[in-house]
Amino acid sequence: MKKSISSVNNPIIKNAVKLKQKKYRNLFSQYLVEGYHLIEEAFKLNLLEVVFFTDDFNLDFDNAYQVNPEVMKKLSFLTTPPGIIGICKNQVNQKLSNKVLILDNVQDPGNIGTLLRTAAAFNFDTVIAENSVDFFNEKVIRSSQGAIFKLNLLNLKIKDFILEEDYQFLVTDLSSNTDLKDLKLREKVALILGNEGSGVSEDIFAICKEKIKIKMANMESLNVGVAGGIIMHEIYQRSEE
């Protein structure tokens, strides 16, 4: 029998709406995703817990509720809801990968989403953040295009991680004499990217011994998402050789 919910005051809906706030996402270890593509990706990886849909739902998934447009609008972050929204559970994977991306005070959700997508593409399977936009912010999820489901996402003190873990920590520095392509890479590499305006914080920058630059013409710097993509691709290519 098809399950349905028609009231925005239904307890299931009221609890789902709470996930629009970071504090409840952290409390329940759950988050909302919108659109069939993301729902399908979450389903494949066994991360999907509940689905709400307005018209049709074709996956073999029992915990699904048909809702009316009023309920869907209440659940959605978007002005025009997509017609399907899911609740996902956080990926539990504490194993550190050999390639790690570290985000220090990155504030633009689009940049975070782009970096997550790039990290997944180039085997930077662990992403660590401090003072950055929430990984499960709705704009981050949309721009990550499903990469959010495939990564080990951790919120840690970056300085402690640097002091405790045996990685080759890399930061960009416009005054560095070490071109990215000339860098001798170790098996375990961690790339640290900083705030869009001010870069990596001074205390973290100070304890990173290896500082690199991206060779370029006509410009002094790049958007953090673009710079991160170039560096991760270069490291991926060289590790595959």
Protein backbone atom coordinates (compact mmCIF):
# COMPACT_ATOMS: atom_id res chain seq x y z
CA MET A 1 0.00 0.00 0.00
CA LYS A 2 1.33 3.42 -0.99
CA LYS A 3 2.19 5.66 1.96
CA SER A 4 1.25 9.33 1.81
CA ILE A 5 1.52 12.50 3.89
CA SER A 6 -0.70 15.51 3.26
CA SER A 7 0.06 17.83 6.20
CA VAL A 8 3.09 20.00 6.89
CA ASN A 9 2.40 19.35 10.58
CA ASN A 10 2.98 15.61 10.28
CA PRO A 11 5.76 14.65 12.75
CA ILE A 12 7.79 12.97 9.98
CA ILE A 13 7.72 16.18 7.93
CA LYS A 14 8.47 18.40 10.94
CA ASN A 15 11.55 16.30 11.76
CA ALA A 16 12.68 16.34 8.13
CA VAL A 17 12.36 20.14 7.95
CA LYS A 18 14.71 20.42 10.94
CA LEU A 19 17.48 19.06 8.70
CA LYS A 20 17.55 22.40 6.91
CA GLN A 21 19.54 23.58 9.94
CA LYS A 22 23.15 22.56 10.51
CA LYS A 23 22.65 21.88 14.24
CA TYR A 24 20.02 19.23 13.50
CA ARG A 25 22.08 17.71 10.68
CA ASN A 26 24.87 17.26 13.20
CA LEU A 27 22.53 16.00 15.90
CA PHE A 28 20.79 13.38 13.74
CA SER A 29 23.73 12.59 11.38
CA GLN A 30 21.33 13.10 8.48
CA TYR A 31 20.86 15.60 5.68
CA LEU A 32 18.46 16.40 2.82
CA VAL A 33 19.13 15.86 -0.88
CA GLU A 34 16.95 17.06 -3.75
CA GLY A 35 16.44 15.72 -7.26
CA TYR A 36 16.23 12.24 -8.75
CA HIS A 37 19.92 11.99 -9.69
CA LEU A 38 21.13 12.52 -6.12
CA ILE A 39 18.39 10.25 -4.73
CA GLU A 40 19.47 7.48 -7.12
CA GLU A 41 23.15 7.89 -6.21
CA ALA A 42 22.37 7.76 -2.48
CA PHE A 43 20.20 4.68 -3.01
CA LYS A 44 22.98 2.84 -4.85
CA LEU A 45 25.38 3.49 -1.96
CA ASN A 46 22.85 2.50 0.73
CA LEU A 47 22.78 5.99 2.23
CA LEU A 48 19.13 6.74 1.55
CA GLU A 49 16.79 6.55 4.56
CA VAL A 50 13.53 8.27 3.56
CA VAL A 51 12.08 9.62 0.32
CA PHE A 52 9.33 12.18 -0.24
CA PHE A 53 7.90 12.55 -3.77
CA THR A 54 4.99 14.29 -5.44
CA ASP A 55 4.29 12.35 -8.65
CA ASP A 56 6.31 9.19 -9.21
CA PHE A 57 9.08 7.14 -7.62
CA ASN A 58 10.52 4.13 -9.41
CA LEU A 59 13.24 2.77 -7.11
CA ASP A 60 12.68 -0.43 -5.12
CA PHE A 61 12.66 1.41 -1.81
CA ASP A 62 10.01 0.93 0.86
CA ASN A 63 10.38 4.00 3.07
CA ALA A 64 8.87 6.43 0.56
CA TYR A 65 5.98 8.86 1.05
CA GLN A 66 3.91 10.58 -1.59
CA VAL A 67 3.32 14.19 -0.55
CA ASN A 68 1.38 17.13 -1.93
CA PRO A 69 3.04 20.27 -3.38
CA GLU A 70 2.54 22.18 -0.11
CA VAL A 71 4.54 19.59 1.86
CA MET A 72 7.21 19.39 -0.86
CA LYS A 73 7.63 23.16 -0.80
CA LYS A 74 8.04 23.04 2.99
CA LEU A 75 10.82 20.45 2.65
CA SER A 76 12.65 22.04 -0.26
CA PHE A 77 15.36 24.70 -0.22
CA LEU A 78 14.38 25.74 -3.75
CA THR A 79 11.80 28.21 -5.03
CA THR A 80 10.67 25.55 -7.49
CA PRO A 81 10.99 22.16 -5.76
CA PRO A 82 12.19 19.24 -7.88
CA GLY A 83 9.38 16.87 -6.90
CA ILE A 84 11.54 14.45 -4.96
CA ILE A 85 13.57 14.89 -1.76
CA GLY A 86 15.41 12.33 0.33
CA ILE A 87 16.88 12.04 3.79
CA CYS A 88 20.37 10.52 3.76
CA LYS A 89 22.56 9.27 6.58
CA ASN A 90 26.12 10.45 6.99
CA GLN A 91 28.78 8.25 5.45
CA VAL A 92 30.69 6.54 8.25
CA ASN A 93 34.26 5.96 7.09
CA GLN A 94 37.07 7.03 9.34
CA LYS A 95 39.90 5.40 7.35
CA LEU A 96 42.28 8.03 6.00
CA SER A 97 43.19 7.78 2.32
CA ASN A 98 46.70 8.33 0.97
CA LYS A 99 45.54 11.53 -0.72
CA VAL A 100 43.82 14.09 1.53
CA LEU A 101 42.27 17.46 0.75
CA ILE A 102 42.21 19.95 3.64
CA LEU A 103 39.95 23.03 3.60
CA ASP A 104 40.86 25.90 5.91
CA ASN A 105 38.08 28.49 6.24
CA VAL A 106 36.70 28.05 2.71
CA GLN A 107 33.43 29.98 2.72
CA ASP A 108 31.82 29.68 -0.69
CA PRO A 109 29.47 26.65 -0.98
CA GLY A 110 30.05 26.47 -4.73
CA ASN A 111 33.80 26.25 -4.20
CA ILE A 112 33.38 23.51 -1.60
CA GLY A 113 31.07 21.52 -3.89
CA THR A 114 33.45 21.88 -6.83
CA LEU A 115 36.41 20.80 -4.68
CA LEU A 116 34.52 17.75 -3.39
CA ARG A 117 33.63 16.74 -6.94
CA THR A 118 37.26 17.17 -8.01
CA ALA A 119 38.57 15.32 -4.96
CA ALA A 120 36.38 12.32 -5.78
CA ALA A 121 37.54 12.40 -9.40
CA PHE A 122 41.25 12.38 -8.52
CA ASN A 123 41.33 9.95 -5.57
CA PHE A 124 41.54 12.52 -2.77
CA ASP A 125 39.08 10.31 -0.93
CA THR A 126 39.39 12.01 2.47
CA VAL A 127 38.41 15.67 2.86
CA ILE A 128 39.05 17.50 6.13
CA ALA A 129 37.58 20.90 6.95
CA GLU A 130 37.81 23.46 9.71
CA ASN A 131 35.86 26.74 9.91
CA SER A 132 34.49 26.07 6.42
CA VAL A 133 30.98 25.81 4.99
CA ASP A 134 29.13 22.71 6.18
CA PHE A 135 29.70 19.73 3.88
CA PHE A 136 25.93 19.11 3.94
CA ASN A 137 24.87 22.65 3.09
CA GLU A 138 22.27 22.37 0.31
CA LYS A 139 24.35 24.39 -2.18
CA VAL A 140 27.43 22.27 -1.47
CA ILE A 141 25.43 19.08 -2.07
CA ARG A 142 23.99 20.31 -5.36
CA SER A 143 27.33 21.49 -6.74
CA SER A 144 29.11 18.31 -5.63
CA GLN A 145 26.95 16.28 -8.04
CA GLY A 146 26.94 13.18 -5.85
CA ALA A 147 30.60 13.34 -4.78
CA ILE A 148 29.34 13.98 -1.24
CA PHE A 149 28.36 10.29 -1.06
CA LYS A 150 31.76 8.95 -2.10
CA LEU A 151 34.15 10.74 0.25
CA ASN A 152 35.34 10.41 3.82
CA LEU A 153 34.31 13.82 5.17
CA LEU A 154 35.82 14.93 8.48
CA ASN A 155 35.66 18.07 10.58
CA LEU A 156 38.96 18.24 12.47
CA LYS A 157 41.45 20.70 13.89
CA ILE A 158 43.81 21.11 10.95
CA LYS A 159 46.84 22.08 13.00
CA ASP A 160 46.47 18.98 15.19
CA PHE A 161 46.13 16.79 12.11
CA ILE A 162 49.34 18.22 10.63
CA LEU A 163 51.26 17.65 13.85
CA GLU A 164 49.94 14.12 14.39
CA GLU A 165 49.84 12.57 10.92
CA ASP A 166 52.66 11.57 8.58
CA TYR A 167 51.70 13.24 5.30
CA GLN A 168 53.50 15.44 2.82
CA PHE A 169 51.59 18.67 3.51
CA LEU A 170 51.42 21.11 0.61
CA VAL A 171 50.28 24.74 0.55
CA THR A 172 50.39 27.24 -2.28
CA ASP A 173 52.65 30.27 -1.99
CA LEU A 174 53.06 32.88 -4.72
CA SER A 175 56.64 33.57 -3.56
CA SER A 176 57.66 29.90 -3.65
CA ASN A 177 60.40 28.78 -6.04
CA THR A 178 58.99 25.25 -6.23
CA ASP A 179 56.83 24.73 -9.30
CA LEU A 180 54.08 22.18 -8.86
CA LYS A 181 55.45 20.07 -11.72
CA ASP A 182 58.93 19.89 -10.13
CA LEU A 183 57.65 18.62 -6.82
CA LYS A 184 58.90 15.25 -5.60
CA LEU A 185 55.82 13.48 -4.28
CA ARG A 186 55.51 11.03 -1.43
CA GLU A 187 52.87 8.30 -1.33
CA LYS A 188 50.83 10.14 1.32
CA VAL A 189 50.02 13.70 0.28
CA ALA A 190 47.73 16.29 1.87
CA LEU A 191 46.83 19.47 -0.03
CA ILE A 192 45.76 22.43 2.12
CA LEU A 193 43.58 25.12 0.55
CA GLY A 194 42.62 28.32 2.33
CA ASN A 195 40.06 31.08 2.43
CA GLU A 196 39.06 32.72 -0.85
CA GLY A 197 40.35 36.13 0.24
CA SER A 198 43.11 35.52 2.78
CA GLY A 199 44.40 32.05 1.92
CA VAL A 200 45.65 29.51 4.45
CA SER A 201 45.73 30.86 8.01
CA GLU A 202 49.11 32.01 9.27
CA ASP A 203 49.57 29.38 11.99
CA ILE A 204 48.90 26.55 9.56
CA PHE A 205 51.01 28.11 6.80
CA ALA A 206 53.93 28.44 9.22
CA ILE A 207 54.15 24.72 10.04
CA CYS A 208 53.91 23.51 6.44
CA LYS A 209 57.41 23.06 5.07
CA GLU A 210 56.54 22.40 1.42
CA LYS A 211 55.18 25.45 -0.36
CA ILE A 212 54.40 25.29 -4.07
CA LYS A 213 53.19 27.53 -6.84
CA ILE A 214 51.23 26.96 -10.04
CA LYS A 215 53.07 28.31 -13.06
CA MET A 216 50.80 30.73 -14.93
CA ALA A 217 50.85 33.71 -17.28
CA ASN A 218 49.10 37.07 -16.90
CA MET A 219 47.53 36.35 -13.51
CA GLU A 220 48.94 36.15 -10.01
CA SER A 221 46.33 33.87 -8.48
CA LEU A 222 43.37 31.61 -9.23
CA ASN A 223 40.01 30.84 -7.67
CA VAL A 224 40.48 28.23 -4.91
CA GLY A 225 38.31 25.71 -6.76
CA VAL A 226 40.33 26.06 -9.96
CA ALA A 227 43.71 25.99 -8.17
CA GLY A 228 42.68 22.94 -6.16
CA GLY A 229 41.57 21.16 -9.32
CA ILE A 230 44.87 21.82 -11.11
CA ILE A 231 46.95 20.58 -8.18
CA MET A 232 44.85 17.49 -7.48
CA HIS A 233 44.88 16.54 -11.17
CA GLU A 234 48.67 16.90 -11.36
CA ILE A 235 49.16 14.75 -8.25
CA TYR A 236 46.69 12.16 -9.56
CA GLN A 237 48.37 11.95 -12.95
CA ARG A 238 51.81 11.48 -11.44
CA SER A 239 50.63 8.85 -8.97
CA GLU A 240 49.08 6.89 -11.85
CA GLU A 241 52.29 6.82 -13.90
